[in-house]
Amino acid sequence: MPYANATSSDAAEAAAIVRVDFTRKCQSVTANTSLVRNRRALIVDTDSVSARLCRETLERIGFVIDYVDSGVAAVVAARGRVPDLILMDSQLRDVSASETIGWLRSNQALAGVPIVVLGIADGSRLPAKNARAIVGIGKPLSAAAIERAVRDLCG
């Protein structure tokens, strides 16, 4: 047994290391949170697992979340309460993401809202007129990729 010779002081030292590492991670998250506090994000996704990862990631860095599961619902929700950021799956169940983005961009209040398209590694599959303030994230999604995209778009 590799831990048979471990002493209580070894355990205490290991616990102290874990506490320091945890504290650093919390400080990092706290620093990130202050950058986006009170901002609103709209998540548009039919996949509940992806939507949950997006929600948890964005809430951790300070966003308030609205969630819908279709392109039409996204346009209605965004017109009702203008978000600071939209995360949208590339495969929606009712209309294409490209069409939804076109509708959003045609509204003056929503034209400049940054959009992260989930499931596209870059904006190449979106029409050029819709490419303003759009970042793509390939799947499988990760919290780090979501945070990086948000940082790129929202500062």
C-alpha atoms as a PDB file:
ATOM      1  CA  MET A   1       0.000   0.000   0.000  1.00  0.00           C
ATOM      2  CA  PRO A   2       1.630   3.257  -1.072  1.00  0.00           C
ATOM      3  CA  TYR A   3      -0.086   5.317   1.662  1.00  0.00           C
ATOM      4  CA  ALA A   4       0.635   2.927   4.529  1.00  0.00           C
ATOM      5  CA  ASN A   5       3.540   5.072   5.750  1.00  0.00           C
ATOM      6  CA  ALA A   6       1.675   8.398   5.498  1.00  0.00           C
ATOM      7  CA  THR A   7       1.549  10.389   8.698  1.00  0.00           C
ATOM      8  CA  SER A   8      -1.017  12.838   9.958  1.00  0.00           C
ATOM      9  CA  SER A   9       1.383  15.679   9.098  1.00  0.00           C
ATOM     10  CA  ASP A  10       1.486  14.397   5.487  1.00  0.00           C
ATOM     11  CA  ALA A  11      -2.309  14.532   5.391  1.00  0.00           C
ATOM     12  CA  ALA A  12      -2.334  18.038   6.850  1.00  0.00           C
ATOM     13  CA  GLU A  13       0.228  19.204   4.287  1.00  0.00           C
ATOM     14  CA  ALA A  14      -1.825  17.713   1.443  1.00  0.00           C
ATOM     15  CA  ALA A  15      -4.975  19.405   2.772  1.00  0.00           C
ATOM     16  CA  ALA A  16      -3.149  22.752   2.920  1.00  0.00           C
ATOM     17  CA  ILE A  17      -2.051  22.379  -0.709  1.00  0.00           C
ATOM     18  CA  VAL A  18      -5.619  21.606  -1.780  1.00  0.00           C
ATOM     19  CA  ARG A  19      -6.908  24.651   0.152  1.00  0.00           C
ATOM     20  CA  VAL A  20      -4.365  26.949  -1.531  1.00  0.00           C
ATOM     21  CA  ASP A  21      -5.210  25.585  -4.987  1.00  0.00           C
ATOM     22  CA  PHE A  22      -8.956  25.934  -4.307  1.00  0.00           C
ATOM     23  CA  THR A  23      -8.473  29.507  -3.051  1.00  0.00           C
ATOM     24  CA  ARG A  24      -6.561  30.452  -6.213  1.00  0.00           C
ATOM     25  CA  LYS A  25      -9.309  29.011  -8.406  1.00  0.00           C
ATOM     26  CA  CYS A  26     -11.968  30.902  -6.435  1.00  0.00           C
ATOM     27  CA  GLN A  27     -10.022  34.140  -6.737  1.00  0.00           C
ATOM     28  CA  SER A  28      -9.752  33.601 -10.491  1.00  0.00           C
ATOM     29  CA  VAL A  29     -13.500  33.009 -10.795  1.00  0.00           C
ATOM     30  CA  THR A  30     -14.218  36.021  -8.581  1.00  0.00           C
ATOM     31  CA  ALA A  31     -12.000  38.201 -10.771  1.00  0.00           C
ATOM     32  CA  ASN A  32     -13.818  36.988 -13.899  1.00  0.00           C
ATOM     33  CA  THR A  33     -17.234  37.490 -12.299  1.00  0.00           C
ATOM     34  CA  SER A  34     -16.710  41.191 -11.715  1.00  0.00           C
ATOM     35  CA  LEU A  35     -16.192  41.749 -15.450  1.00  0.00           C
ATOM     36  CA  VAL A  36     -19.718  40.747 -16.423  1.00  0.00           C
ATOM     37  CA  ARG A  37     -21.842  41.264 -13.334  1.00  0.00           C
ATOM     38  CA  ASN A  38     -25.490  42.054 -14.115  1.00  0.00           C
ATOM     39  CA  ARG A  39     -25.199  41.228 -17.804  1.00  0.00           C
ATOM     40  CA  ARG A  40     -27.925  39.142 -19.415  1.00  0.00           C
ATOM     41  CA  ALA A  41     -27.368  36.209 -21.762  1.00  0.00           C
ATOM     42  CA  LEU A  42     -29.886  34.377 -23.926  1.00  0.00           C
ATOM     43  CA  ILE A  43     -29.181  30.681 -24.508  1.00  0.00           C
ATOM     44  CA  VAL A  44     -30.899  29.129 -27.536  1.00  0.00           C
ATOM     45  CA  ASP A  45     -30.419  25.358 -27.600  1.00  0.00           C
ATOM     46  CA  THR A  46     -32.561  22.238 -27.942  1.00  0.00           C
ATOM     47  CA  ASP A  47     -29.940  20.046 -26.237  1.00  0.00           C
ATOM     48  CA  SER A  48     -30.490  20.239 -22.480  1.00  0.00           C
ATOM     49  CA  VAL A  49     -26.952  19.022 -21.674  1.00  0.00           C
ATOM     50  CA  SER A  50     -25.316  21.754 -23.780  1.00  0.00           C
ATOM     51  CA  ALA A  51     -27.747  24.345 -22.468  1.00  0.00           C
ATOM     52  CA  ARG A  52     -26.946  23.375 -18.869  1.00  0.00           C
ATOM     53  CA  LEU A  53     -23.177  23.659 -19.487  1.00  0.00           C
ATOM     54  CA  CYS A  54     -23.678  27.093 -21.044  1.00  0.00           C
ATOM     55  CA  ARG A  55     -25.953  28.229 -18.207  1.00  0.00           C
ATOM     56  CA  GLU A  56     -23.613  27.027 -15.456  1.00  0.00           C
ATOM     57  CA  THR A  57     -20.564  28.567 -17.137  1.00  0.00           C
ATOM     58  CA  LEU A  58     -22.200  31.932 -17.746  1.00  0.00           C
ATOM     59  CA  GLU A  59     -23.789  32.112 -14.292  1.00  0.00           C
ATOM     60  CA  ARG A  60     -20.398  31.369 -12.728  1.00  0.00           C
ATOM     61  CA  ILE A  61     -18.907  34.415 -14.463  1.00  0.00           C
ATOM     62  CA  GLY A  62     -21.806  36.664 -13.517  1.00  0.00           C
ATOM     63  CA  PHE A  63     -24.447  36.505 -16.256  1.00  0.00           C
ATOM     64  CA  VAL A  64     -28.189  36.343 -15.639  1.00  0.00           C
ATOM     65  CA  ILE A  65     -29.645  33.723 -17.994  1.00  0.00           C
ATOM     66  CA  ASP A  66     -32.726  33.510 -20.189  1.00  0.00           C
ATOM     67  CA  TYR A  67     -33.279  30.214 -22.024  1.00  0.00           C
ATOM     68  CA  VAL A  68     -35.344  29.220 -25.055  1.00  0.00           C
ATOM     69  CA  ASP A  69     -35.236  26.174 -27.301  1.00  0.00           C
ATOM     70  CA  SER A  70     -36.076  27.514 -30.770  1.00  0.00           C
ATOM     71  CA  GLY A  71     -35.118  30.256 -33.203  1.00  0.00           C
ATOM     72  CA  VAL A  72     -38.535  31.897 -33.235  1.00  0.00           C
ATOM     73  CA  ALA A  73     -38.627  31.914 -29.424  1.00  0.00           C
ATOM     74  CA  ALA A  74     -35.134  33.452 -29.428  1.00  0.00           C
ATOM     75  CA  VAL A  75     -36.261  36.386 -31.556  1.00  0.00           C
ATOM     76  CA  VAL A  76     -39.335  36.947 -29.395  1.00  0.00           C
ATOM     77  CA  ALA A  77     -37.331  36.708 -26.135  1.00  0.00           C
ATOM     78  CA  ALA A  78     -34.547  38.990 -27.392  1.00  0.00           C
ATOM     79  CA  ARG A  79     -37.022  41.635 -28.569  1.00  0.00           C
ATOM     80  CA  GLY A  80     -38.769  41.511 -25.201  1.00  0.00           C
ATOM     81  CA  ARG A  81     -35.581  41.830 -23.164  1.00  0.00           C
ATOM     82  CA  VAL A  82     -32.427  42.753 -25.087  1.00  0.00           C
ATOM     83  CA  PRO A  83     -29.569  40.479 -23.982  1.00  0.00           C
ATOM     84  CA  ASP A  84     -25.900  41.440 -23.746  1.00  0.00           C
ATOM     85  CA  LEU A  85     -24.924  38.109 -25.308  1.00  0.00           C
ATOM     86  CA  ILE A  86     -26.607  35.274 -27.221  1.00  0.00           C
ATOM     87  CA  LEU A  87     -25.394  31.657 -27.293  1.00  0.00           C
ATOM     88  CA  MET A  88     -27.164  29.768 -30.073  1.00  0.00           C
ATOM     89  CA  ASP A  89     -26.897  26.190 -31.250  1.00  0.00           C
ATOM     90  CA  SER A  90     -26.155  25.841 -34.960  1.00  0.00           C
ATOM     91  CA  GLN A  91     -28.923  23.224 -35.301  1.00  0.00           C
ATOM     92  CA  LEU A  92     -32.266  24.632 -34.196  1.00  0.00           C
ATOM     93  CA  ARG A  93     -35.491  22.657 -34.451  1.00  0.00           C
ATOM     94  CA  ASP A  94     -37.679  25.225 -36.196  1.00  0.00           C
ATOM     95  CA  VAL A  95     -35.553  27.532 -38.369  1.00  0.00           C
ATOM     96  CA  SER A  96     -31.856  27.689 -39.205  1.00  0.00           C
ATOM     97  CA  ALA A  97     -29.429  29.526 -36.952  1.00  0.00           C
ATOM     98  CA  SER A  98     -28.470  31.663 -39.933  1.00  0.00           C
ATOM     99  CA  GLU A  99     -32.084  32.720 -40.475  1.00  0.00           C
ATOM    100  CA  THR A 100     -32.530  33.432 -36.762  1.00  0.00           C
ATOM    101  CA  ILE A 101     -29.380  35.560 -36.737  1.00  0.00           C
ATOM    102  CA  GLY A 102     -30.690  37.448 -39.778  1.00  0.00           C
ATOM    103  CA  TRP A 103     -33.925  38.230 -37.951  1.00  0.00           C
ATOM    104  CA  LEU A 104     -32.003  39.363 -34.864  1.00  0.00           C
ATOM    105  CA  ARG A 105     -29.692  41.567 -36.944  1.00  0.00           C
ATOM    106  CA  SER A 106     -32.642  43.195 -38.725  1.00  0.00           C
ATOM    107  CA  ASN A 107     -33.811  44.644 -35.393  1.00  0.00           C
ATOM    108  CA  GLN A 108     -31.923  47.854 -34.603  1.00  0.00           C
ATOM    109  CA  ALA A 109     -31.827  47.151 -30.860  1.00  0.00           C
ATOM    110  CA  LEU A 110     -30.382  43.649 -31.434  1.00  0.00           C
ATOM    111  CA  ALA A 111     -28.091  44.341 -34.396  1.00  0.00           C
ATOM    112  CA  GLY A 112     -24.939  44.666 -32.291  1.00  0.00           C
ATOM    113  CA  VAL A 113     -25.573  41.941 -29.725  1.00  0.00           C
ATOM    114  CA  PRO A 114     -22.625  39.492 -29.756  1.00  0.00           C
ATOM    115  CA  ILE A 115     -23.546  35.921 -30.719  1.00  0.00           C
ATOM    116  CA  VAL A 116     -21.715  32.684 -29.972  1.00  0.00           C
ATOM    117  CA  VAL A 117     -22.777  29.916 -32.351  1.00  0.00           C
ATOM    118  CA  LEU A 118     -22.418  26.484 -30.774  1.00  0.00           C
ATOM    119  CA  GLY A 119     -21.340  23.672 -33.055  1.00  0.00           C
ATOM    120  CA  ILE A 120     -19.453  25.740 -35.647  1.00  0.00           C
ATOM    121  CA  ALA A 121     -15.702  26.087 -35.286  1.00  0.00           C
ATOM    122  CA  ASP A 122     -15.736  29.398 -37.177  1.00  0.00           C
ATOM    123  CA  GLY A 123     -18.259  31.661 -38.864  1.00  0.00           C
ATOM    124  CA  SER A 124     -17.621  30.218 -42.329  1.00  0.00           C
ATOM    125  CA  ARG A 125     -21.017  28.508 -42.611  1.00  0.00           C
ATOM    126  CA  LEU A 126     -22.892  31.709 -41.822  1.00  0.00           C
ATOM    127  CA  PRO A 127     -23.699  34.303 -44.471  1.00  0.00           C
ATOM    128  CA  ALA A 128     -21.146  37.127 -44.527  1.00  0.00           C
ATOM    129  CA  LYS A 129     -23.799  39.747 -43.718  1.00  0.00           C
ATOM    130  CA  ASN A 130     -24.415  37.950 -40.413  1.00  0.00           C
ATOM    131  CA  ALA A 131     -20.768  37.547 -39.419  1.00  0.00           C
ATOM    132  CA  ARG A 132     -20.518  40.740 -37.332  1.00  0.00           C
ATOM    133  CA  ALA A 133     -19.762  40.009 -33.669  1.00  0.00           C
ATOM    134  CA  ILE A 134     -20.117  36.255 -34.107  1.00  0.00           C
ATOM    135  CA  VAL A 135     -17.796  33.590 -32.735  1.00  0.00           C
ATOM    136  CA  GLY A 136     -18.176  29.872 -33.331  1.00  0.00           C
ATOM    137  CA  ILE A 137     -17.391  27.110 -30.848  1.00  0.00           C
ATOM    138  CA  GLY A 138     -16.970  23.541 -32.040  1.00  0.00           C
ATOM    139  CA  LYS A 139     -18.480  20.583 -30.249  1.00  0.00           C
ATOM    140  CA  PRO A 140     -18.031  18.956 -27.855  1.00  0.00           C
ATOM    141  CA  LEU A 141     -18.446  22.102 -25.798  1.00  0.00           C
ATOM    142  CA  SER A 142     -16.283  22.959 -22.819  1.00  0.00           C
ATOM    143  CA  ALA A 143     -16.592  25.604 -20.134  1.00  0.00           C
ATOM    144  CA  ALA A 144     -13.150  26.937 -21.095  1.00  0.00           C
ATOM    145  CA  ALA A 145     -14.168  27.408 -24.744  1.00  0.00           C
ATOM    146  CA  ILE A 146     -17.375  29.173 -23.716  1.00  0.00           C
ATOM    147  CA  GLU A 147     -15.493  31.510 -21.356  1.00  0.00           C
ATOM    148  CA  ARG A 148     -12.884  32.258 -24.042  1.00  0.00           C
ATOM    149  CA  ALA A 149     -15.603  33.134 -26.585  1.00  0.00           C
ATOM    150  CA  VAL A 150     -17.382  35.374 -24.069  1.00  0.00           C
ATOM    151  CA  ARG A 151     -14.111  37.128 -23.242  1.00  0.00           C
ATOM    152  CA  ASP A 152     -13.393  37.656 -26.962  1.00  0.00           C
ATOM    153  CA  LEU A 153     -16.818  39.175 -27.591  1.00  0.00           C
ATOM    154  CA  CYS A 154     -17.629  40.958 -24.338  1.00  0.00           C
ATOM    155  CA  GLY A 155     -14.221  41.990 -23.086  1.00  0.00           C
END
